[in-house]
All heavy atoms as atom14 arrays in JSON, in Angstrom:
{
  "sequence": "GYPFEYRDRKPFDYFRFWGDLYFGGAGDKVINNVMGYGIWYGENF",
  "atom14_mask": [
    [1, 1, 1, 1, 0, 0, 0, 0, 0, 0, 0, 0, 0, 0],
    [1, 1, 1, 1, 1, 1, 1, 1, 1, 1, 1, 1, 0, 0],
    [1, 1, 1, 1, 1, 1, 1, 0, 0, 0, 0, 0, 0, 0],
    [1, 1, 1, 1, 1, 1, 1, 1, 1, 1, 1, 0, 0, 0],
    [1, 1, 1, 1, 1, 1, 1, 1, 1, 0, 0, 0, 0, 0],
    [1, 1, 1, 1, 1, 1, 1, 1, 1, 1, 1, 1, 0, 0],
    [1, 1, 1, 1, 1, 1, 1, 1, 1, 1, 1, 0, 0, 0],
    [1, 1, 1, 1, 1, 1, 1, 1, 0, 0, 0, 0, 0, 0],
    [1, 1, 1, 1, 1, 1, 1, 1, 1, 1, 1, 0, 0, 0],
    [1, 1, 1, 1, 1, 1, 1, 1, 1, 0, 0, 0, 0, 0],
    [1, 1, 1, 1, 1, 1, 1, 0, 0, 0, 0, 0, 0, 0],
    [1, 1, 1, 1, 1, 1, 1, 1, 1, 1, 1, 0, 0, 0],
    [1, 1, 1, 1, 1, 1, 1, 1, 0, 0, 0, 0, 0, 0],
    [1, 1, 1, 1, 1, 1, 1, 1, 1, 1, 1, 1, 0, 0],
    [1, 1, 1, 1, 1, 1, 1, 1, 1, 1, 1, 0, 0, 0],
    [1, 1, 1, 1, 1, 1, 1, 1, 1, 1, 1, 0, 0, 0],
    [1, 1, 1, 1, 1, 1, 1, 1, 1, 1, 1, 0, 0, 0],
    [1, 1, 1, 1, 1, 1, 1, 1, 1, 1, 1, 1, 1, 1],
    [1, 1, 1, 1, 0, 0, 0, 0, 0, 0, 0, 0, 0, 0],
    [1, 1, 1, 1, 1, 1, 1, 1, 0, 0, 0, 0, 0, 0],
    [1, 1, 1, 1, 1, 1, 1, 1, 0, 0, 0, 0, 0, 0],
    [1, 1, 1, 1, 1, 1, 1, 1, 1, 1, 1, 1, 0, 0],
    [1, 1, 1, 1, 1, 1, 1, 1, 1, 1, 1, 0, 0, 0],
    [1, 1, 1, 1, 0, 0, 0, 0, 0, 0, 0, 0, 0, 0],
    [1, 1, 1, 1, 0, 0, 0, 0, 0, 0, 0, 0, 0, 0],
    [1, 1, 1, 1, 1, 0, 0, 0, 0, 0, 0, 0, 0, 0],
    [1, 1, 1, 1, 0, 0, 0, 0, 0, 0, 0, 0, 0, 0],
    [1, 1, 1, 1, 1, 1, 1, 1, 0, 0, 0, 0, 0, 0],
    [1, 1, 1, 1, 1, 1, 1, 1, 1, 0, 0, 0, 0, 0],
    [1, 1, 1, 1, 1, 1, 1, 0, 0, 0, 0, 0, 0, 0],
    [1, 1, 1, 1, 1, 1, 1, 1, 0, 0, 0, 0, 0, 0],
    [1, 1, 1, 1, 1, 1, 1, 1, 0, 0, 0, 0, 0, 0],
    [1, 1, 1, 1, 1, 1, 1, 1, 0, 0, 0, 0, 0, 0],
    [1, 1, 1, 1, 1, 1, 1, 0, 0, 0, 0, 0, 0, 0],
    [1, 1, 1, 1, 1, 1, 1, 1, 0, 0, 0, 0, 0, 0],
    [1, 1, 1, 1, 0, 0, 0, 0, 0, 0, 0, 0, 0, 0],
    [1, 1, 1, 1, 1, 1, 1, 1, 1, 1, 1, 1, 0, 0],
    [1, 1, 1, 1, 0, 0, 0, 0, 0, 0, 0, 0, 0, 0],
    [1, 1, 1, 1, 1, 1, 1, 1, 0, 0, 0, 0, 0, 0],
    [1, 1, 1, 1, 1, 1, 1, 1, 1, 1, 1, 1, 1, 1],
    [1, 1, 1, 1, 1, 1, 1, 1, 1, 1, 1, 1, 0, 0],
    [1, 1, 1, 1, 0, 0, 0, 0, 0, 0, 0, 0, 0, 0],
    [1, 1, 1, 1, 1, 1, 1, 1, 1, 0, 0, 0, 0, 0],
    [1, 1, 1, 1, 1, 1, 1, 1, 0, 0, 0, 0, 0, 0],
    [1, 1, 1, 1, 1, 1, 1, 1, 1, 1, 1, 0, 0, 0]
  ],
  "atom14_positions": [
    [[96.43, -60.75, 208.23], [95.03, -60.61, 208.58], [94.16, -60.3, 207.38], [94.62, -59.71, 206.39], [0.0, 0.0, 0.0], [0.0, 0.0, 0.0], [0.0, 0.0, 0.0], [0.0, 0.0, 0.0], [0.0, 0.0, 0.0], [0.0, 0.0, 0.0], [0.0, 0.0, 0.0], [0.0, 0.0, 0.0], [0.0, 0.0, 0.0], [0.0, 0.0, 0.0]],
    [[92.91, -60.72, 207.46], [91.97, -60.46, 206.37], [91.1, -59.26, 206.76], [90.31, -59.34, 207.72], [91.1, -61.69, 206.12], [90.21, -61.54, 204.91], [90.76, -61.35, 203.64], [88.82, -61.58, 205.03], [89.95, -61.22, 202.53], [88.01, -61.45, 203.92], [88.57, -61.27, 202.68], [87.77, -61.13, 201.58], [0.0, 0.0, 0.0], [0.0, 0.0, 0.0]],
    [[91.23, -58.11, 206.08], [90.58, -56.88, 206.55], [89.06, -56.89, 206.44], [88.4, -56.07, 207.08], [91.19, -55.8, 205.65], [91.6, -56.52, 204.41], [92.03, -57.89, 204.86], [0.0, 0.0, 0.0], [0.0, 0.0, 0.0], [0.0, 0.0, 0.0], [0.0, 0.0, 0.0], [0.0, 0.0, 0.0], [0.0, 0.0, 0.0], [0.0, 0.0, 0.0]],
    [[88.48, -57.79, 205.64], [87.05, -57.75, 205.41], [86.29, -58.85, 206.15], [85.17, -59.19, 205.79], [86.77, -57.8, 203.9], [87.47, -56.7, 203.15], [88.48, -57.0, 202.24], [87.16, -55.38, 203.4], [89.14, -55.98, 201.57], [87.82, -54.35, 202.73], [88.81, -54.65, 201.81], [0.0, 0.0, 0.0], [0.0, 0.0, 0.0], [0.0, 0.0, 0.0]],
    [[86.91, -59.39, 207.19], [86.24, -60.35, 208.06], [85.49, -59.59, 209.15], [86.03, -58.69, 209.79], [87.28, -61.29, 208.69], [86.69, -62.29, 209.66], [87.76, -63.14, 210.32], [88.93, -63.05, 209.91], [87.42, -63.89, 211.24], [0.0, 0.0, 0.0], [0.0, 0.0, 0.0], [0.0, 0.0, 0.0], [0.0, 0.0, 0.0], [0.0, 0.0, 0.0]],
    [[84.24, -59.96, 209.39], [83.43, -59.31, 210.42], [83.83, -59.88, 211.78], [83.63, -61.06, 212.06], [81.95, -59.56, 210.16], [81.4, -58.73, 209.04], [81.78, -58.98, 207.72], [80.51, -57.69, 209.27], [81.28, -58.23, 206.67], [80.0, -56.92, 208.23], [80.39, -57.2, 206.93], [79.9, -56.44, 205.89], [0.0, 0.0, 0.0], [0.0, 0.0, 0.0]],
    [[84.38, -59.01, 212.64], [84.88, -59.46, 213.93], [85.15, -58.26, 214.81], [85.21, -57.12, 214.33], [86.16, -60.27, 213.75], [87.29, -59.46, 213.11], [88.48, -60.3, 212.73], [89.19, -60.8, 213.88], [90.25, -61.6, 213.79], [90.69, -61.98, 212.59], [90.87, -62.04, 214.86], [0.0, 0.0, 0.0], [0.0, 0.0, 0.0], [0.0, 0.0, 0.0]],
    [[85.32, -58.5, 216.11], [85.8, -57.45, 217.01], [87.29, -57.29, 216.78], [88.06, -58.26, 216.85], [85.52, -57.83, 218.46], [84.04, -57.84, 218.78], [83.3, -57.08, 218.13], [83.62, -58.61, 219.66], [0.0, 0.0, 0.0], [0.0, 0.0, 0.0], [0.0, 0.0, 0.0], [0.0, 0.0, 0.0], [0.0, 0.0, 0.0], [0.0, 0.0, 0.0]],
    [[87.72, -56.05, 216.54], [89.12, -55.78, 216.18], [89.95, -55.42, 217.4], [89.55, -54.59, 218.22], [89.19, -54.64, 215.16], [88.54, -54.96, 213.82], [89.44, -55.8, 212.97], [88.76, -56.25, 211.75], [89.31, -57.05, 210.86], [90.54, -57.5, 211.05], [88.64, -57.43, 209.79], [0.0, 0.0, 0.0], [0.0, 0.0, 0.0], [0.0, 0.0, 0.0]],
    [[91.11, -56.07, 217.51], [92.12, -55.7, 218.49], [93.29, -55.05, 217.74], [93.42, -55.19, 216.53], [92.64, -56.93, 219.24], [91.59, -57.74, 219.95], [92.22, -58.75, 220.92], [93.29, -59.61, 220.29], [92.84, -60.48, 219.22], [0.0, 0.0, 0.0], [0.0, 0.0, 0.0], [0.0, 0.0, 0.0], [0.0, 0.0, 0.0], [0.0, 0.0, 0.0]],
    [[94.17, -54.34, 218.47], [95.33, -53.74, 217.8], [96.15, -54.76, 217.03], [96.51, -55.8, 217.55], [96.13, -53.13, 218.96], [95.11, -52.82, 220.0], [94.1, -53.94, 219.9], [0.0, 0.0, 0.0], [0.0, 0.0, 0.0], [0.0, 0.0, 0.0], [0.0, 0.0, 0.0], [0.0, 0.0, 0.0], [0.0, 0.0, 0.0], [0.0, 0.0, 0.0]],
    [[96.36, -54.48, 215.76], [97.23, -55.23, 214.86], [96.68, -56.61, 214.48], [97.42, -57.49, 214.06], [98.65, -55.34, 215.43], [99.36, -54.01, 215.45], [99.18, -53.13, 216.5], [100.16, -53.62, 214.4], [99.79, -51.89, 216.51], [100.78, -52.39, 214.39], [100.6, -51.51, 215.45], [0.0, 0.0, 0.0], [0.0, 0.0, 0.0], [0.0, 0.0, 0.0]],
    [[95.35, -56.79, 214.6], [94.74, -57.96, 213.97], [94.89, -57.9, 212.46], [94.8, -58.91, 211.77], [93.25, -58.05, 214.32], [93.02, -58.61, 215.71], [93.95, -59.23, 216.25], [91.91, -58.44, 216.24], [0.0, 0.0, 0.0], [0.0, 0.0, 0.0], [0.0, 0.0, 0.0], [0.0, 0.0, 0.0], [0.0, 0.0, 0.0], [0.0, 0.0, 0.0]],
    [[95.08, -56.69, 211.96], [95.38, -56.49, 210.54], [96.5, -55.49, 210.42], [96.48, -54.42, 211.06], [94.14, -55.97, 209.78], [94.47, -55.53, 208.37], [94.77, -56.46, 207.39], [94.52, -54.18, 208.04], [95.09, -56.06, 206.1], [94.84, -53.77, 206.76], [95.12, -54.71, 205.79], [95.46, -54.31, 204.52], [0.0, 0.0, 0.0], [0.0, 0.0, 0.0]],
    [[97.54, -55.83, 209.64], [98.6, -54.87, 209.35], [99.26, -55.18, 208.03], [99.13, -56.27, 207.48], [99.64, -54.8, 210.49], [100.47, -56.04, 210.7], [101.55, -56.34, 209.88], [100.19, -56.9, 211.76], [102.33, -57.46, 210.09], [100.97, -58.02, 211.98], [102.04, -58.31, 211.16], [0.0, 0.0, 0.0], [0.0, 0.0, 0.0], [0.0, 0.0, 0.0]],
    [[99.97, -54.18, 207.51], [100.76, -54.33, 206.29], [102.18, -53.84, 206.56], [102.41, -52.94, 207.36], [100.15, -53.52, 205.14], [98.75, -53.94, 204.75], [98.32, -53.25, 203.47], [99.13, -53.71, 202.35], [99.23, -53.05, 201.2], [98.62, -51.9, 201.03], [99.97, -53.53, 200.22], [0.0, 0.0, 0.0], [0.0, 0.0, 0.0], [0.0, 0.0, 0.0]],
    [[103.11, -54.45, 205.85], [104.53, -54.09, 205.99], [105.21, -54.31, 204.66], [104.95, -55.31, 203.98], [105.18, -54.96, 207.07], [106.68, -54.82, 207.14], [107.25, -53.86, 207.96], [107.52, -55.63, 206.39], [108.64, -53.72, 208.02], [108.91, -55.5, 206.45], [109.45, -54.54, 207.27], [0.0, 0.0, 0.0], [0.0, 0.0, 0.0], [0.0, 0.0, 0.0]],
    [[106.06, -53.39, 204.24], [106.83, -53.61, 203.02], [108.17, -52.87, 203.1], [108.31, -51.87, 203.81], [106.06, -53.2, 201.77], [105.56, -51.8, 201.69], [106.11, -50.75, 201.01], [104.38, -51.27, 202.3], [105.35, -49.63, 201.16], [104.28, -49.91, 201.93], [103.38, -51.82, 203.12], [103.24, -49.09, 202.37], [102.35, -51.0, 203.55], [102.29, -49.67, 203.17]],
    [[109.14, -53.41, 202.4], [110.47, -52.82, 202.4], [111.15, -53.0, 201.06], [110.94, -54.0, 200.36], [0.0, 0.0, 0.0], [0.0, 0.0, 0.0], [0.0, 0.0, 0.0], [0.0, 0.0, 0.0], [0.0, 0.0, 0.0], [0.0, 0.0, 0.0], [0.0, 0.0, 0.0], [0.0, 0.0, 0.0], [0.0, 0.0, 0.0], [0.0, 0.0, 0.0]],
    [[111.95, -51.99, 200.66], [112.72, -52.02, 199.43], [114.2, -52.0, 199.77], [114.67, -51.11, 200.49], [112.4, -50.81, 198.54], [110.95, -50.78, 198.09], [110.3, -51.85, 198.16], [110.47, -49.72, 197.68], [0.0, 0.0, 0.0], [0.0, 0.0, 0.0], [0.0, 0.0, 0.0], [0.0, 0.0, 0.0], [0.0, 0.0, 0.0], [0.0, 0.0, 0.0]],
    [[114.93, -52.98, 199.26], [116.37, -53.08, 199.49], [117.08, -52.92, 198.16], [116.71, -53.55, 197.18], [116.71, -54.44, 200.12], [115.85, -54.87, 201.29], [116.23, -56.27, 201.75], [115.96, -53.9, 202.44], [0.0, 0.0, 0.0], [0.0, 0.0, 0.0], [0.0, 0.0, 0.0], [0.0, 0.0, 0.0], [0.0, 0.0, 0.0], [0.0, 0.0, 0.0]],
    [[118.12, -52.07, 198.14], [118.87, -51.79, 196.91], [120.29, -52.29, 197.05], [120.92, -52.12, 198.1], [118.9, -50.28, 196.61], [117.59, -49.69, 196.16], [116.44, -50.48, 196.02], [117.48, -48.34, 195.87], [115.24, -49.94, 195.61], [116.27, -47.79, 195.45], [115.16, -48.6, 195.33], [113.97, -48.06, 194.91], [0.0, 0.0, 0.0], [0.0, 0.0, 0.0]],
    [[120.8, -52.89, 195.98], [122.16, -53.42, 195.97], [122.87, -53.0, 194.69], [122.28, -53.01, 193.61], [122.14, -54.96, 196.05], [121.48, -55.5, 197.28], [120.13, -55.84, 197.27], [122.19, -55.65, 198.46], [119.51, -56.34, 198.39], [121.57, -56.15, 199.6], [120.24, -56.49, 199.57], [0.0, 0.0, 0.0], [0.0, 0.0, 0.0], [0.0, 0.0, 0.0]],
    [[124.14, -52.64, 194.82], [124.96, -52.43, 193.63], [124.96, -51.03, 193.06], [125.64, -50.76, 192.08], [0.0, 0.0, 0.0], [0.0, 0.0, 0.0], [0.0, 0.0, 0.0], [0.0, 0.0, 0.0], [0.0, 0.0, 0.0], [0.0, 0.0, 0.0], [0.0, 0.0, 0.0], [0.0, 0.0, 0.0], [0.0, 0.0, 0.0], [0.0, 0.0, 0.0]],
    [[124.23, -50.09, 193.64], [124.19, -48.73, 193.11], [125.17, -47.83, 193.82], [125.26, -47.83, 195.05], [0.0, 0.0, 0.0], [0.0, 0.0, 0.0], [0.0, 0.0, 0.0], [0.0, 0.0, 0.0], [0.0, 0.0, 0.0], [0.0, 0.0, 0.0], [0.0, 0.0, 0.0], [0.0, 0.0, 0.0], [0.0, 0.0, 0.0], [0.0, 0.0, 0.0]],
    [[125.92, -47.03, 193.08], [126.87, -46.11, 193.69], [126.13, -45.05, 194.49], [125.26, -44.36, 193.98], [127.72, -45.45, 192.6], [0.0, 0.0, 0.0], [0.0, 0.0, 0.0], [0.0, 0.0, 0.0], [0.0, 0.0, 0.0], [0.0, 0.0, 0.0], [0.0, 0.0, 0.0], [0.0, 0.0, 0.0], [0.0, 0.0, 0.0], [0.0, 0.0, 0.0]],
    [[126.49, -44.92, 195.77], [125.91, -43.89, 196.61], [124.57, -44.23, 197.21], [124.06, -43.49, 198.05], [0.0, 0.0, 0.0], [0.0, 0.0, 0.0], [0.0, 0.0, 0.0], [0.0, 0.0, 0.0], [0.0, 0.0, 0.0], [0.0, 0.0, 0.0], [0.0, 0.0, 0.0], [0.0, 0.0, 0.0], [0.0, 0.0, 0.0], [0.0, 0.0, 0.0]],
    [[123.95, -45.33, 196.8], [122.64, -45.69, 197.34], [122.79, -46.46, 198.64], [123.74, -47.2, 198.84], [121.85, -46.53, 196.34], [121.01, -45.67, 195.42], [120.42, -44.69, 195.92], [120.95, -45.95, 194.22], [0.0, 0.0, 0.0], [0.0, 0.0, 0.0], [0.0, 0.0, 0.0], [0.0, 0.0, 0.0], [0.0, 0.0, 0.0], [0.0, 0.0, 0.0]],
    [[121.82, -46.29, 199.5], [121.78, -47.02, 200.76], [121.03, -48.32, 200.55], [120.11, -48.4, 199.74], [121.11, -46.15, 201.8], [121.88, -44.85, 202.04], [120.98, -43.72, 202.47], [121.77, -42.42, 202.56], [120.94, -41.29, 202.93], [0.0, 0.0, 0.0], [0.0, 0.0, 0.0], [0.0, 0.0, 0.0], [0.0, 0.0, 0.0], [0.0, 0.0, 0.0]],
    [[121.41, -49.34, 201.28], [120.81, -50.66, 201.09], [119.35, -50.65, 201.52], [118.46, -51.06, 200.78], [121.6, -51.74, 201.85], [120.9, -53.09, 201.73], [123.02, -51.82, 201.31], [0.0, 0.0, 0.0], [0.0, 0.0, 0.0], [0.0, 0.0, 0.0], [0.0, 0.0, 0.0], [0.0, 0.0, 0.0], [0.0, 0.0, 0.0], [0.0, 0.0, 0.0]],
    [[119.08, -50.2, 202.75], [117.7, -50.12, 203.22], [117.13, -48.81, 202.71], [117.33, -47.74, 203.29], [117.64, -50.21, 204.76], [118.27, -51.52, 205.23], [116.2, -50.13, 205.24], [118.34, -51.66, 206.73], [0.0, 0.0, 0.0], [0.0, 0.0, 0.0], [0.0, 0.0, 0.0], [0.0, 0.0, 0.0], [0.0, 0.0, 0.0], [0.0, 0.0, 0.0]],
    [[116.4, -48.9, 201.63], [115.95, -47.72, 200.91], [114.59, -47.22, 201.4], [114.35, -46.02, 201.5], [115.88, -48.05, 199.41], [115.42, -46.92, 198.56], [114.23, -46.77, 198.29], [116.36, -46.09, 198.12], [0.0, 0.0, 0.0], [0.0, 0.0, 0.0], [0.0, 0.0, 0.0], [0.0, 0.0, 0.0], [0.0, 0.0, 0.0], [0.0, 0.0, 0.0]],
    [[113.7, -48.14, 201.69], [112.34, -47.76, 202.04], [111.72, -48.86, 202.91], [111.7, -50.02, 202.52], [111.52, -47.56, 200.74], [110.07, -47.21, 200.98], [109.19, -47.61, 200.23], [109.8, -46.46, 202.02], [0.0, 0.0, 0.0], [0.0, 0.0, 0.0], [0.0, 0.0, 0.0], [0.0, 0.0, 0.0], [0.0, 0.0, 0.0], [0.0, 0.0, 0.0]],
    [[111.25, -48.5, 204.09], [110.55, -49.42, 204.97], [109.27, -48.72, 205.43], [109.33, -47.59, 205.93], [111.39, -49.82, 206.19], [110.59, -50.75, 207.11], [112.68, -50.5, 205.76], [0.0, 0.0, 0.0], [0.0, 0.0, 0.0], [0.0, 0.0, 0.0], [0.0, 0.0, 0.0], [0.0, 0.0, 0.0], [0.0, 0.0, 0.0], [0.0, 0.0, 0.0]],
    [[108.13, -49.38, 205.24], [106.86, -48.75, 205.59], [105.91, -49.8, 206.16], [106.04, -50.98, 205.86], [106.23, -48.08, 204.36], [107.14, -47.09, 203.68], [106.41, -46.26, 202.26], [105.29, -45.15, 203.05], [0.0, 0.0, 0.0], [0.0, 0.0, 0.0], [0.0, 0.0, 0.0], [0.0, 0.0, 0.0], [0.0, 0.0, 0.0], [0.0, 0.0, 0.0]],
    [[104.99, -49.34, 206.95], [104.0, -50.26, 207.48], [102.93, -49.52, 208.24], [103.1, -48.37, 208.67], [0.0, 0.0, 0.0], [0.0, 0.0, 0.0], [0.0, 0.0, 0.0], [0.0, 0.0, 0.0], [0.0, 0.0, 0.0], [0.0, 0.0, 0.0], [0.0, 0.0, 0.0], [0.0, 0.0, 0.0], [0.0, 0.0, 0.0], [0.0, 0.0, 0.0]],
    [[101.78, -50.19, 208.39], [100.74, -49.65, 209.24], [99.91, -50.79, 209.82], [99.82, -51.88, 209.25], [99.84, -48.65, 208.49], [99.07, -49.19, 207.31], [97.88, -49.91, 207.5], [99.5, -48.95, 206.01], [97.16, -50.37, 206.41], [98.78, -49.42, 204.93], [97.61, -50.12, 205.13], [96.89, -50.59, 204.06], [0.0, 0.0, 0.0], [0.0, 0.0, 0.0]],
    [[99.33, -50.54, 210.99], [98.51, -51.53, 211.65], [97.28, -50.89, 212.26], [97.31, -49.72, 212.66], [0.0, 0.0, 0.0], [0.0, 0.0, 0.0], [0.0, 0.0, 0.0], [0.0, 0.0, 0.0], [0.0, 0.0, 0.0], [0.0, 0.0, 0.0], [0.0, 0.0, 0.0], [0.0, 0.0, 0.0], [0.0, 0.0, 0.0], [0.0, 0.0, 0.0]],
    [[96.22, -51.66, 212.34], [94.96, -51.14, 212.87], [95.0, -51.11, 214.39], [95.53, -52.02, 215.03], [93.78, -51.99, 212.35], [92.46, -51.28, 212.62], [93.78, -53.39, 212.97], [91.27, -51.88, 211.9], [0.0, 0.0, 0.0], [0.0, 0.0, 0.0], [0.0, 0.0, 0.0], [0.0, 0.0, 0.0], [0.0, 0.0, 0.0], [0.0, 0.0, 0.0]],
    [[94.46, -50.05, 214.99], [94.26, -49.97, 216.43], [92.8, -50.26, 216.78], [92.5, -50.95, 217.74], [94.64, -48.59, 216.96], [96.09, -48.43, 217.26], [97.12, -48.47, 216.35], [96.7, -48.21, 218.52], [98.33, -48.27, 216.98], [98.09, -48.11, 218.32], [96.21, -48.08, 219.82], [98.99, -47.89, 219.36], [97.1, -47.85, 220.85], [98.48, -47.76, 220.64]],
    [[91.92, -49.7, 215.99], [90.48, -49.9, 216.21], [89.79, -49.83, 214.87], [90.15, -49.01, 214.02], [89.91, -48.83, 217.15], [88.4, -48.87, 217.22], [87.75, -49.79, 218.03], [87.63, -48.0, 216.45], [86.36, -49.84, 218.09], [86.24, -48.04, 216.5], [85.61, -48.97, 217.31], [84.24, -49.03, 217.35], [0.0, 0.0, 0.0], [0.0, 0.0, 0.0]],
    [[88.78, -50.69, 214.65], [88.08, -50.65, 213.38], [86.75, -51.37, 213.42], [86.46, -52.15, 214.34], [0.0, 0.0, 0.0], [0.0, 0.0, 0.0], [0.0, 0.0, 0.0], [0.0, 0.0, 0.0], [0.0, 0.0, 0.0], [0.0, 0.0, 0.0], [0.0, 0.0, 0.0], [0.0, 0.0, 0.0], [0.0, 0.0, 0.0], [0.0, 0.0, 0.0]],
    [[85.92, -51.09, 212.42], [84.62, -51.72, 212.26], [84.44, -52.13, 210.8], [84.84, -51.4, 209.89], [83.49, -50.76, 212.64], [83.43, -50.41, 214.12], [82.9, -51.55, 214.97], [82.29, -52.49, 214.4], [83.08, -51.5, 216.21], [0.0, 0.0, 0.0], [0.0, 0.0, 0.0], [0.0, 0.0, 0.0], [0.0, 0.0, 0.0], [0.0, 0.0, 0.0]],
    [[83.86, -53.3, 210.61], [83.53, -53.79, 209.28], [82.05, -53.57, 208.99], [81.21, -53.71, 209.88], [83.83, -55.28, 209.14], [85.31, -55.57, 209.08], [85.94, -55.82, 210.1], [85.87, -55.54, 207.89], [0.0, 0.0, 0.0], [0.0, 0.0, 0.0], [0.0, 0.0, 0.0], [0.0, 0.0, 0.0], [0.0, 0.0, 0.0], [0.0, 0.0, 0.0]],
    [[81.75, -53.23, 207.75], [80.37, -53.15, 207.31], [80.33, -53.33, 205.79], [81.38, -53.44, 205.13], [79.72, -51.82, 207.72], [80.38, -50.59, 207.15], [79.95, -50.02, 205.95], [81.43, -49.98, 207.82], [80.54, -48.88, 205.44], [82.04, -48.82, 207.32], [81.59, -48.28, 206.12], [0.0, 0.0, 0.0], [0.0, 0.0, 0.0], [0.0, 0.0, 0.0]]
  ]
}
């Protein structure tokens, strides 16, 4: 989604998601970091 478009917002018309995966390190977990957020309500101006 494009956050700076003027429109009526519904839940998750705009969201971000990212994840970090690690391989080959002793003791490290593969799924290292997963994060995200999505809009529920918003206004552009």
